């Protein structure tokens, strides 16, 4: 659908590029979670894809139709107009007609739960309700790629789940989605693939089902057995110690077997956990702890 090749962008007067050497291939039907701390380059990347700014380096190459639905981080509607008038205005801007217009309006209103708010002006809405209107206006555009930048900030839990279901259904129906959020559970719920930006560079591009690491965690009443610490050191395993707790990332079942054999001869831990690494653990490991 879309190929990004070595994209780069620097804002005027900035000492460092906002993005550098970004290469990606975006396919229909995938939901991409875009992660990164404030200033990492997430919004700049979405702006480049949306055509709001032009790349100074590299290229974007579309295969097929390049219609984009955009839910920007900044609210983008007319405050003095009613909710219904905003929706009709944007339907006109998107040149929607006939049955397609009606279908898109009904779908957007339902996804954002705006039915009871249609007669209010946008200025009369609460912050969370304005976010829902912003979301609906982005979904109103028939598109092959949807870009959502912090779409659920300030939205209550019930409506947030409704919005997330709408986003997931876009991908399930063959649309591509790039979704940014600081709520990692949202990304974990939605995304097939995760991108991590840091200081304008792409640190991680990984499909969630391909996460290789298993997280092992054990806590002792007193201290971590020295033999276990020594084993981790000798094998060069990725581990961390916090007081009387030890955490390891294991990528090979043989590592777990060796670890359990040693544990059997040591003081028993009071707590023991083992399972797939969470998205938060993956994020913090890849970003050096910057959430």
C-alpha atoms as a PDB file:
ATOM      1  CA  UNK A   1       0.000   0.000   0.000  1.00  0.00           C
ATOM      2  CA  UNK A   2       2.641   2.532   1.088  1.00  0.00           C
ATOM      3  CA  UNK A   3       6.427   2.450   1.113  1.00  0.00           C
ATOM      4  CA  UNK A   4       8.511   4.943   3.073  1.00  0.00           C
ATOM      5  CA  UNK A   5      12.147   5.075   2.068  1.00  0.00           C
ATOM      6  CA  UNK A   6      14.732   6.854   4.248  1.00  0.00           C
ATOM      7  CA  UNK A   7      12.389   9.693   5.205  1.00  0.00           C
ATOM      8  CA  UNK A   8      13.941  12.682   6.922  1.00  0.00           C
ATOM      9  CA  UNK A   9      12.606  16.015   8.161  1.00  0.00           C
ATOM     10  CA  UNK A  10      14.040  18.922  10.160  1.00  0.00           C
ATOM     11  CA  UNK A  11      11.949  21.859  11.372  1.00  0.00           C
ATOM     12  CA  UNK A  12      13.352  25.313  10.578  1.00  0.00           C
ATOM     13  CA  UNK A  13      15.768  26.472  13.277  1.00  0.00           C
ATOM     14  CA  UNK A  14      15.909  23.071  14.972  1.00  0.00           C
ATOM     15  CA  UNK A  15      19.411  21.816  15.832  1.00  0.00           C
ATOM     16  CA  UNK A  16      18.419  18.172  15.271  1.00  0.00           C
ATOM     17  CA  UNK A  17      16.172  16.432  12.719  1.00  0.00           C
ATOM     18  CA  UNK A  18      12.661  15.506  13.838  1.00  0.00           C
ATOM     19  CA  UNK A  19      12.915  12.327  11.738  1.00  0.00           C
ATOM     20  CA  UNK A  20      15.836  10.618  10.046  1.00  0.00           C
ATOM     21  CA  UNK A  21      16.211   7.529   7.863  1.00  0.00           C
ATOM     22  CA  UNK A  22      12.682   6.154   8.403  1.00  0.00           C
ATOM     23  CA  UNK A  23      11.926   3.203   6.114  1.00  0.00           C
ATOM     24  CA  UNK A  24       8.639   1.261   6.388  1.00  0.00           C
ATOM     25  CA  UNK A  25       6.198  -0.794   4.363  1.00  0.00           C
ATOM     26  CA  UNK A  26       2.542  -0.416   5.355  1.00  0.00           C
ATOM     27  CA  UNK A  27       0.103  -3.113   4.221  1.00  0.00           C
ATOM     28  CA  UNK A  28      -3.713  -3.197   3.973  1.00  0.00           C
ATOM     29  CA  UNK A  29      -5.462  -4.714   6.966  1.00  0.00           C
ATOM     30  CA  UNK A  30      -2.752  -4.096   9.569  1.00  0.00           C
ATOM     31  CA  UNK A  31      -3.077  -1.948  12.671  1.00  0.00           C
ATOM     32  CA  UNK A  32       0.254  -0.369  13.605  1.00  0.00           C
ATOM     33  CA  UNK A  33       0.846   0.972  17.091  1.00  0.00           C
ATOM     34  CA  UNK A  34       3.224   3.947  16.960  1.00  0.00           C
ATOM     35  CA  UNK A  35       5.070   4.475  20.246  1.00  0.00           C
ATOM     36  CA  UNK A  36       7.595   6.976  21.515  1.00  0.00           C
ATOM     37  CA  UNK A  37       8.114   9.562  24.220  1.00  0.00           C
ATOM     38  CA  UNK A  38       7.107  13.198  23.694  1.00  0.00           C
ATOM     39  CA  UNK A  39       9.216  14.705  20.915  1.00  0.00           C
ATOM     40  CA  UNK A  40      10.179  11.316  19.454  1.00  0.00           C
ATOM     41  CA  UNK A  41       8.750  12.220  16.035  1.00  0.00           C
ATOM     42  CA  UNK A  42       5.370  10.465  16.036  1.00  0.00           C
ATOM     43  CA  UNK A  43       3.262  13.458  14.979  1.00  0.00           C
ATOM     44  CA  UNK A  44       5.873  14.500  12.404  1.00  0.00           C
ATOM     45  CA  UNK A  45       5.735  11.048  10.834  1.00  0.00           C
ATOM     46  CA  UNK A  46       1.932  11.144  10.636  1.00  0.00           C
ATOM     47  CA  UNK A  47       2.072  14.660   9.161  1.00  0.00           C
ATOM     48  CA  UNK A  48       4.460  13.467   6.436  1.00  0.00           C
ATOM     49  CA  UNK A  49       2.254  10.498   5.568  1.00  0.00           C
ATOM     50  CA  UNK A  50      -0.842  12.706   5.538  1.00  0.00           C
ATOM     51  CA  UNK A  51       0.847  15.212   3.215  1.00  0.00           C
ATOM     52  CA  UNK A  52       0.580  18.080   5.703  1.00  0.00           C
ATOM     53  CA  UNK A  53       4.337  18.589   5.364  1.00  0.00           C
ATOM     54  CA  UNK A  54       6.709  17.375   2.660  1.00  0.00           C
ATOM     55  CA  UNK A  55       9.768  15.166   3.287  1.00  0.00           C
ATOM     56  CA  UNK A  56      13.121  16.878   2.898  1.00  0.00           C
ATOM     57  CA  UNK A  57      14.811  13.525   2.389  1.00  0.00           C
ATOM     58  CA  UNK A  58      13.612  10.189   1.111  1.00  0.00           C
ATOM     59  CA  UNK A  59      10.290   9.325  -0.505  1.00  0.00           C
ATOM     60  CA  UNK A  60       6.733   8.057   0.026  1.00  0.00           C
ATOM     61  CA  UNK A  61       5.403   5.733  -2.662  1.00  0.00           C
ATOM     62  CA  UNK A  62       1.749   4.756  -2.809  1.00  0.00           C
ATOM     63  CA  UNK A  63       0.498   1.619  -4.511  1.00  0.00           C
ATOM     64  CA  UNK A  64      -3.096   2.292  -5.509  1.00  0.00           C
ATOM     65  CA  UNK A  65      -5.484   4.864  -4.044  1.00  0.00           C
ATOM     66  CA  UNK A  66      -3.982   7.158  -1.397  1.00  0.00           C
ATOM     67  CA  UNK A  67      -7.086   8.431   0.434  1.00  0.00           C
ATOM     68  CA  UNK A  68      -6.314   9.077   4.122  1.00  0.00           C
ATOM     69  CA  UNK A  69      -8.557   9.472   7.152  1.00  0.00           C
ATOM     70  CA  UNK A  70      -6.902  11.651   9.798  1.00  0.00           C
ATOM     71  CA  UNK A  71      -7.730  12.108  13.491  1.00  0.00           C
ATOM     72  CA  UNK A  72      -5.196  14.758  14.553  1.00  0.00           C
ATOM     73  CA  UNK A  73      -3.951  15.345  18.065  1.00  0.00           C
ATOM     74  CA  UNK A  74      -5.210  18.937  17.901  1.00  0.00           C
ATOM     75  CA  UNK A  75      -8.987  19.308  17.774  1.00  0.00           C
ATOM     76  CA  UNK A  76     -10.091  20.087  14.217  1.00  0.00           C
ATOM     77  CA  UNK A  77     -13.705  21.251  13.995  1.00  0.00           C
ATOM     78  CA  UNK A  78     -15.759  24.457  14.101  1.00  0.00           C
ATOM     79  CA  UNK A  79     -16.611  25.298  17.698  1.00  0.00           C
ATOM     80  CA  UNK A  80     -19.629  27.480  16.855  1.00  0.00           C
ATOM     81  CA  UNK A  81     -21.296  24.878  14.694  1.00  0.00           C
ATOM     82  CA  UNK A  82     -23.523  22.121  16.025  1.00  0.00           C
ATOM     83  CA  UNK A  83     -22.155  18.584  16.065  1.00  0.00           C
ATOM     84  CA  UNK A  84     -24.526  17.667  13.225  1.00  0.00           C
ATOM     85  CA  UNK A  85     -23.395  20.699  11.218  1.00  0.00           C
ATOM     86  CA  UNK A  86     -19.733  19.788  11.653  1.00  0.00           C
ATOM     87  CA  UNK A  87     -20.459  16.289  10.408  1.00  0.00           C
ATOM     88  CA  UNK A  88     -22.395  17.566   7.380  1.00  0.00           C
ATOM     89  CA  UNK A  89     -19.668  20.112   6.588  1.00  0.00           C
ATOM     90  CA  UNK A  90     -16.929  17.477   6.629  1.00  0.00           C
ATOM     91  CA  UNK A  91     -19.116  15.136   4.569  1.00  0.00           C
ATOM     92  CA  UNK A  92     -19.272  17.939   1.974  1.00  0.00           C
ATOM     93  CA  UNK A  93     -15.487  18.425   2.146  1.00  0.00           C
ATOM     94  CA  UNK A  94     -15.023  14.684   1.555  1.00  0.00           C
ATOM     95  CA  UNK A  95     -17.500  14.903  -1.369  1.00  0.00           C
ATOM     96  CA  UNK A  96     -19.741  12.211   0.059  1.00  0.00           C
ATOM     97  CA  UNK A  97     -23.014  11.697  -1.749  1.00  0.00           C
ATOM     98  CA  UNK A  98     -26.127   9.544  -1.577  1.00  0.00           C
ATOM     99  CA  UNK A  99     -26.072   6.199   0.203  1.00  0.00           C
ATOM    100  CA  UNK A 100     -22.310   6.361   0.851  1.00  0.00           C
ATOM    101  CA  UNK A 101     -22.763   9.683   2.645  1.00  0.00           C
ATOM    102  CA  UNK A 102     -25.535   8.287   4.811  1.00  0.00           C
ATOM    103  CA  UNK A 103     -23.584   5.135   5.608  1.00  0.00           C
ATOM    104  CA  UNK A 104     -20.426   7.031   6.586  1.00  0.00           C
ATOM    105  CA  UNK A 105     -22.375   9.476   8.766  1.00  0.00           C
ATOM    106  CA  UNK A 106     -24.229   6.706  10.589  1.00  0.00           C
ATOM    107  CA  UNK A 107     -21.032   4.733  11.104  1.00  0.00           C
ATOM    108  CA  UNK A 108     -19.098   7.731  12.484  1.00  0.00           C
ATOM    109  CA  UNK A 109     -21.931   8.828  14.784  1.00  0.00           C
ATOM    110  CA  UNK A 110     -22.303   5.308  16.161  1.00  0.00           C
ATOM    111  CA  UNK A 111     -18.553   4.765  16.684  1.00  0.00           C
ATOM    112  CA  UNK A 112     -18.236   8.001  18.674  1.00  0.00           C
ATOM    113  CA  UNK A 113     -21.657   7.743  20.371  1.00  0.00           C
ATOM    114  CA  UNK A 114     -22.721  11.218  19.214  1.00  0.00           C
ATOM    115  CA  UNK A 115     -26.447  10.613  18.682  1.00  0.00           C
ATOM    116  CA  UNK A 116     -27.491  12.468  21.838  1.00  0.00           C
ATOM    117  CA  UNK A 117     -25.065  15.335  21.145  1.00  0.00           C
ATOM    118  CA  UNK A 118     -25.998  16.222  17.560  1.00  0.00           C
ATOM    119  CA  UNK A 119     -27.913  19.390  18.440  1.00  0.00           C
ATOM    120  CA  UNK A 120     -25.217  20.861  20.701  1.00  0.00           C
ATOM    121  CA  UNK A 121     -22.569  23.227  19.450  1.00  0.00           C
ATOM    122  CA  UNK A 122     -19.052  21.829  19.607  1.00  0.00           C
ATOM    123  CA  UNK A 123     -18.125  24.555  22.096  1.00  0.00           C
ATOM    124  CA  UNK A 124     -20.758  23.224  24.531  1.00  0.00           C
ATOM    125  CA  UNK A 125     -19.208  19.752  24.639  1.00  0.00           C
ATOM    126  CA  UNK A 126     -16.941  18.485  27.407  1.00  0.00           C
ATOM    127  CA  UNK A 127     -13.304  17.756  26.601  1.00  0.00           C
ATOM    128  CA  UNK A 128     -13.967  14.049  26.176  1.00  0.00           C
ATOM    129  CA  UNK A 129     -17.009  14.696  23.980  1.00  0.00           C
ATOM    130  CA  UNK A 130     -14.962  16.994  21.764  1.00  0.00           C
ATOM    131  CA  UNK A 131     -12.424  14.192  21.362  1.00  0.00           C
ATOM    132  CA  UNK A 132     -15.240  11.904  20.254  1.00  0.00           C
ATOM    133  CA  UNK A 133     -16.368  14.464  17.659  1.00  0.00           C
ATOM    134  CA  UNK A 134     -12.767  14.811  16.448  1.00  0.00           C
ATOM    135  CA  UNK A 135     -12.625  11.021  16.126  1.00  0.00           C
ATOM    136  CA  UNK A 136     -15.910  10.842  14.183  1.00  0.00           C
ATOM    137  CA  UNK A 137     -14.783  13.470  11.681  1.00  0.00           C
ATOM    138  CA  UNK A 138     -11.639  11.446  10.923  1.00  0.00           C
ATOM    139  CA  UNK A 139     -13.589   8.214  10.467  1.00  0.00           C
ATOM    140  CA  UNK A 140     -16.093   9.965   8.193  1.00  0.00           C
ATOM    141  CA  UNK A 141     -13.568  10.027   5.337  1.00  0.00           C
ATOM    142  CA  UNK A 142     -13.648   6.815   3.238  1.00  0.00           C
ATOM    143  CA  UNK A 143      -9.966   5.855   3.142  1.00  0.00           C
ATOM    144  CA  UNK A 144      -7.466   3.050   2.713  1.00  0.00           C
ATOM    145  CA  UNK A 145      -5.231   4.349   5.524  1.00  0.00           C
ATOM    146  CA  UNK A 146      -6.339   5.918   8.807  1.00  0.00           C
ATOM    147  CA  UNK A 147      -3.965   7.942  10.995  1.00  0.00           C
ATOM    148  CA  UNK A 148      -5.015   8.464  14.625  1.00  0.00           C
ATOM    149  CA  UNK A 149      -2.889  10.647  16.901  1.00  0.00           C
ATOM    150  CA  UNK A 150      -3.771  10.339  20.623  1.00  0.00           C
ATOM    151  CA  UNK A 151      -7.416   9.897  19.637  1.00  0.00           C
ATOM    152  CA  UNK A 152      -8.817   8.883  23.056  1.00  0.00           C
ATOM    153  CA  UNK A 153      -7.138  11.408  25.389  1.00  0.00           C
ATOM    154  CA  UNK A 154      -9.684  12.510  27.998  1.00  0.00           C
ATOM    155  CA  UNK A 155     -12.385  10.067  26.856  1.00  0.00           C
ATOM    156  CA  UNK A 156     -14.156   8.005  29.539  1.00  0.00           C
ATOM    157  CA  UNK A 157     -13.551   4.276  29.717  1.00  0.00           C
ATOM    158  CA  UNK A 158     -16.819   3.082  28.158  1.00  0.00           C
ATOM    159  CA  UNK A 159     -16.609   5.390  25.147  1.00  0.00           C
ATOM    160  CA  UNK A 160     -12.903   4.699  24.759  1.00  0.00           C
ATOM    161  CA  UNK A 161     -13.655   0.991  24.360  1.00  0.00           C
ATOM    162  CA  UNK A 162     -16.325   1.804  21.770  1.00  0.00           C
ATOM    163  CA  UNK A 163     -13.787   3.880  19.828  1.00  0.00           C
ATOM    164  CA  UNK A 164     -11.135   1.174  20.033  1.00  0.00           C
ATOM    165  CA  UNK A 165     -13.600  -1.375  18.680  1.00  0.00           C
ATOM    166  CA  UNK A 166     -14.267   0.945  15.743  1.00  0.00           C
ATOM    167  CA  UNK A 167     -10.523   1.267  15.064  1.00  0.00           C
ATOM    168  CA  UNK A 168     -10.013  -2.484  15.213  1.00  0.00           C
ATOM    169  CA  UNK A 169     -12.918  -3.040  12.819  1.00  0.00           C
ATOM    170  CA  UNK A 170     -11.218  -0.769  10.258  1.00  0.00           C
ATOM    171  CA  UNK A 171      -8.230  -3.116  10.127  1.00  0.00           C
ATOM    172  CA  UNK A 172     -10.467  -6.194  10.182  1.00  0.00           C
ATOM    173  CA  UNK A 173     -12.167  -4.787   7.064  1.00  0.00           C
ATOM    174  CA  UNK A 174      -8.909  -4.399   5.169  1.00  0.00           C
ATOM    175  CA  UNK A 175      -7.987  -0.812   6.027  1.00  0.00           C
ATOM    176  CA  UNK A 176      -4.527   0.089   7.288  1.00  0.00           C
ATOM    177  CA  UNK A 177      -4.330   1.967  10.592  1.00  0.00           C
ATOM    178  CA  UNK A 178      -1.493   3.813  12.328  1.00  0.00           C
ATOM    179  CA  UNK A 179      -2.442   4.559  15.930  1.00  0.00           C
ATOM    180  CA  UNK A 180      -0.420   6.575  18.436  1.00  0.00           C
ATOM    181  CA  UNK A 181      -1.104   6.505  22.165  1.00  0.00           C
ATOM    182  CA  UNK A 182       0.679   6.736  25.500  1.00  0.00           C
ATOM    183  CA  UNK A 183      -1.839   4.183  26.832  1.00  0.00           C
ATOM    184  CA  UNK A 184       0.099   0.968  26.218  1.00  0.00           C
ATOM    185  CA  UNK A 185      -2.926  -1.277  26.958  1.00  0.00           C
ATOM    186  CA  UNK A 186      -4.671   0.376  23.987  1.00  0.00           C
ATOM    187  CA  UNK A 187      -1.788  -0.521  21.677  1.00  0.00           C
ATOM    188  CA  UNK A 188      -1.688  -4.046  23.088  1.00  0.00           C
ATOM    189  CA  UNK A 189      -5.422  -4.403  22.466  1.00  0.00           C
ATOM    190  CA  UNK A 190      -5.368  -3.006  18.924  1.00  0.00           C
ATOM    191  CA  UNK A 191      -2.045  -3.473  17.224  1.00  0.00           C
ATOM    192  CA  UNK A 192      -0.689  -6.287  15.072  1.00  0.00           C
ATOM    193  CA  UNK A 193       2.637  -4.484  14.778  1.00  0.00           C
ATOM    194  CA  UNK A 194       4.530  -1.960  16.900  1.00  0.00           C
ATOM    195  CA  UNK A 195       6.891   0.822  15.838  1.00  0.00           C
ATOM    196  CA  UNK A 196       9.040   2.613  18.407  1.00  0.00           C
ATOM    197  CA  UNK A 197      10.515   6.024  17.627  1.00  0.00           C
ATOM    198  CA  UNK A 198      13.241   7.692  19.683  1.00  0.00           C
ATOM    199  CA  UNK A 199      14.790  11.057  18.820  1.00  0.00           C
ATOM    200  CA  UNK A 200      13.540  10.759  15.263  1.00  0.00           C
ATOM    201  CA  UNK A 201      14.909   7.272  14.622  1.00  0.00           C
ATOM    202  CA  UNK A 202      13.101   3.956  14.329  1.00  0.00           C
ATOM    203  CA  UNK A 203      14.324   1.739  17.173  1.00  0.00           C
ATOM    204  CA  UNK A 204      11.864  -1.124  16.826  1.00  0.00           C
ATOM    205  CA  UNK A 205       9.569  -2.557  14.147  1.00  0.00           C
ATOM    206  CA  UNK A 206       8.016  -5.778  15.416  1.00  0.00           C
ATOM    207  CA  UNK A 207       4.848  -7.788  15.081  1.00  0.00           C
ATOM    208  CA  UNK A 208       3.408  -8.467  18.516  1.00  0.00           C
ATOM    209  CA  UNK A 209       2.933 -12.195  17.915  1.00  0.00           C
ATOM    210  CA  UNK A 210       6.658 -12.364  17.117  1.00  0.00           C
ATOM    211  CA  UNK A 211       7.826 -11.130  20.511  1.00  0.00           C
ATOM    212  CA  UNK A 212      10.569 -13.635  21.288  1.00  0.00           C
ATOM    213  CA  UNK A 213      11.124 -13.019  24.971  1.00  0.00           C
ATOM    214  CA  UNK A 214       9.469 -14.745  27.920  1.00  0.00           C
ATOM    215  CA  UNK A 215       9.541 -12.886  31.212  1.00  0.00           C
ATOM    216  CA  UNK A 216      10.739 -14.795  34.299  1.00  0.00           C
ATOM    217  CA  UNK A 217      10.363 -13.116  37.679  1.00  0.00           C
ATOM    218  CA  UNK A 218      11.124 -14.490  41.148  1.00  0.00           C
ATOM    219  CA  UNK A 219      11.098 -12.887  44.596  1.00  0.00           C
ATOM    220  CA  UNK A 220      12.677 -14.256  47.779  1.00  0.00           C
ATOM    221  CA  UNK A 221      11.870 -13.509  51.405  1.00  0.00           C
ATOM    222  CA  UNK A 222      15.464 -12.486  52.083  1.00  0.00           C
ATOM    223  CA  UNK A 223      18.042 -12.218  49.318  1.00  0.00           C
ATOM    224  CA  UNK A 224      18.469 -13.581  45.798  1.00  0.00           C
ATOM    225  CA  UNK A 225      20.583 -16.790  45.887  1.00  0.00           C
ATOM    226  CA  UNK A 226      24.110 -15.938  44.799  1.00  0.00           C
ATOM    227  CA  UNK A 227      24.317 -19.084  42.661  1.00  0.00           C
ATOM    228  CA  UNK A 228      21.438 -17.776  40.551  1.00  0.00           C
ATOM    229  CA  UNK A 229      23.076 -14.373  40.115  1.00  0.00           C
ATOM    230  CA  UNK A 230      26.282 -16.126  39.090  1.00  0.00           C
ATOM    231  CA  UNK A 231      24.455 -18.308  36.549  1.00  0.00           C
ATOM    232  CA  UNK A 232      22.948 -15.213  34.891  1.00  0.00           C
ATOM    233  CA  UNK A 233      26.378 -13.583  34.777  1.00  0.00           C
ATOM    234  CA  UNK A 234      28.097 -16.678  33.371  1.00  0.00           C
ATOM    235  CA  UNK A 235      25.450 -17.194  30.667  1.00  0.00           C
ATOM    236  CA  UNK A 236      25.224 -13.469  29.802  1.00  0.00           C
ATOM    237  CA  UNK A 237      21.463 -13.539  30.261  1.00  0.00           C
ATOM    238  CA  UNK A 238      19.505 -10.279  30.208  1.00  0.00           C
ATOM    239  CA  UNK A 239      18.442  -9.748  33.826  1.00  0.00           C
ATOM    240  CA  UNK A 240      17.757  -7.069  36.404  1.00  0.00           C
ATOM    241  CA  UNK A 241      17.802  -7.080  40.207  1.00  0.00           C
ATOM    242  CA  UNK A 242      15.574  -4.955  42.420  1.00  0.00           C
ATOM    243  CA  UNK A 243      16.135  -5.726  46.086  1.00  0.00           C
ATOM    244  CA  UNK A 244      15.129  -9.338  46.606  1.00  0.00           C
ATOM    245  CA  UNK A 245      13.518  -9.697  43.154  1.00  0.00           C
ATOM    246  CA  UNK A 246      15.164 -11.013  39.988  1.00  0.00           C
ATOM    247  CA  UNK A 247      13.758 -10.542  36.465  1.00  0.00           C
ATOM    248  CA  UNK A 248      15.044 -12.283  33.354  1.00  0.00           C
ATOM    249  CA  UNK A 249      14.166 -12.339  29.676  1.00  0.00           C
ATOM    250  CA  UNK A 250      14.429 -15.890  28.314  1.00  0.00           C
ATOM    251  CA  UNK A 251      14.368 -16.571  24.571  1.00  0.00           C
ATOM    252  CA  UNK A 252      15.191 -20.305  24.655  1.00  0.00           C
ATOM    253  CA  UNK A 253      13.317 -23.117  26.505  1.00  0.00           C
ATOM    254  CA  UNK A 254      16.725 -24.586  27.390  1.00  0.00           C
ATOM    255  CA  UNK A 255      17.407 -21.478  29.482  1.00  0.00           C
ATOM    256  CA  UNK A 256      14.263 -22.089  31.530  1.00  0.00           C
ATOM    257  CA  UNK A 257      15.182 -25.742  32.084  1.00  0.00           C
ATOM    258  CA  UNK A 258      18.653 -24.808  33.322  1.00  0.00           C
ATOM    259  CA  UNK A 259      17.216 -22.103  35.550  1.00  0.00           C
ATOM    260  CA  UNK A 260      14.655 -24.437  37.144  1.00  0.00           C
ATOM    261  CA  UNK A 261      17.289 -27.101  37.782  1.00  0.00           C
ATOM    262  CA  UNK A 262      19.335 -24.584  39.749  1.00  0.00           C
ATOM    263  CA  UNK A 263      16.297 -23.217  41.585  1.00  0.00           C
ATOM    264  CA  UNK A 264      15.472 -26.717  42.842  1.00  0.00           C
ATOM    265  CA  UNK A 265      18.668 -26.716  44.896  1.00  0.00           C
ATOM    266  CA  UNK A 266      18.249 -23.187  46.262  1.00  0.00           C
ATOM    267  CA  UNK A 267      15.971 -21.517  48.858  1.00  0.00           C
ATOM    268  CA  UNK A 268      12.469 -21.419  47.403  1.00  0.00           C
ATOM    269  CA  UNK A 269      11.177 -18.033  46.168  1.00  0.00           C
ATOM    270  CA  UNK A 270       8.008 -16.666  47.757  1.00  0.00           C
ATOM    271  CA  UNK A 271       6.723 -15.570  44.323  1.00  0.00           C
ATOM    272  CA  UNK A 272       7.416 -16.966  40.855  1.00  0.00           C
ATOM    273  CA  UNK A 273       6.000 -15.777  37.516  1.00  0.00           C
ATOM    274  CA  UNK A 274       6.706 -16.820  33.945  1.00  0.00           C
ATOM    275  CA  UNK A 275       5.019 -15.806  30.701  1.00  0.00           C
ATOM    276  CA  UNK A 276       5.170 -13.667  27.574  1.00  0.00           C
ATOM    277  CA  UNK A 277       6.747 -10.246  27.994  1.00  0.00           C
ATOM    278  CA  UNK A 278       4.110  -7.516  28.057  1.00  0.00           C
ATOM    279  CA  UNK A 279       4.141  -4.626  25.599  1.00  0.00           C
ATOM    280  CA  UNK A 280       5.181  -2.329  28.435  1.00  0.00           C
ATOM    281  CA  UNK A 281       8.189  -4.532  29.183  1.00  0.00           C
ATOM    282  CA  UNK A 282       9.103  -4.627  25.489  1.00  0.00           C
ATOM    283  CA  UNK A 283       8.730  -0.838  25.249  1.00  0.00           C
ATOM    284  CA  UNK A 284      10.807  -0.064  28.312  1.00  0.00           C
ATOM    285  CA  UNK A 285      13.510  -2.522  27.277  1.00  0.00           C
ATOM    286  CA  UNK A 286      13.737  -1.080  23.746  1.00  0.00           C
ATOM    287  CA  UNK A 287      13.512   2.587  24.741  1.00  0.00           C
ATOM    288  CA  UNK A 288      15.919   2.439  27.651  1.00  0.00           C
ATOM    289  CA  UNK A 289      13.138   3.085  30.149  1.00  0.00           C
ATOM    290  CA  UNK A 290      11.597   6.212  28.585  1.00  0.00           C
ATOM    291  CA  UNK A 291       7.829   5.852  28.649  1.00  0.00           C
END
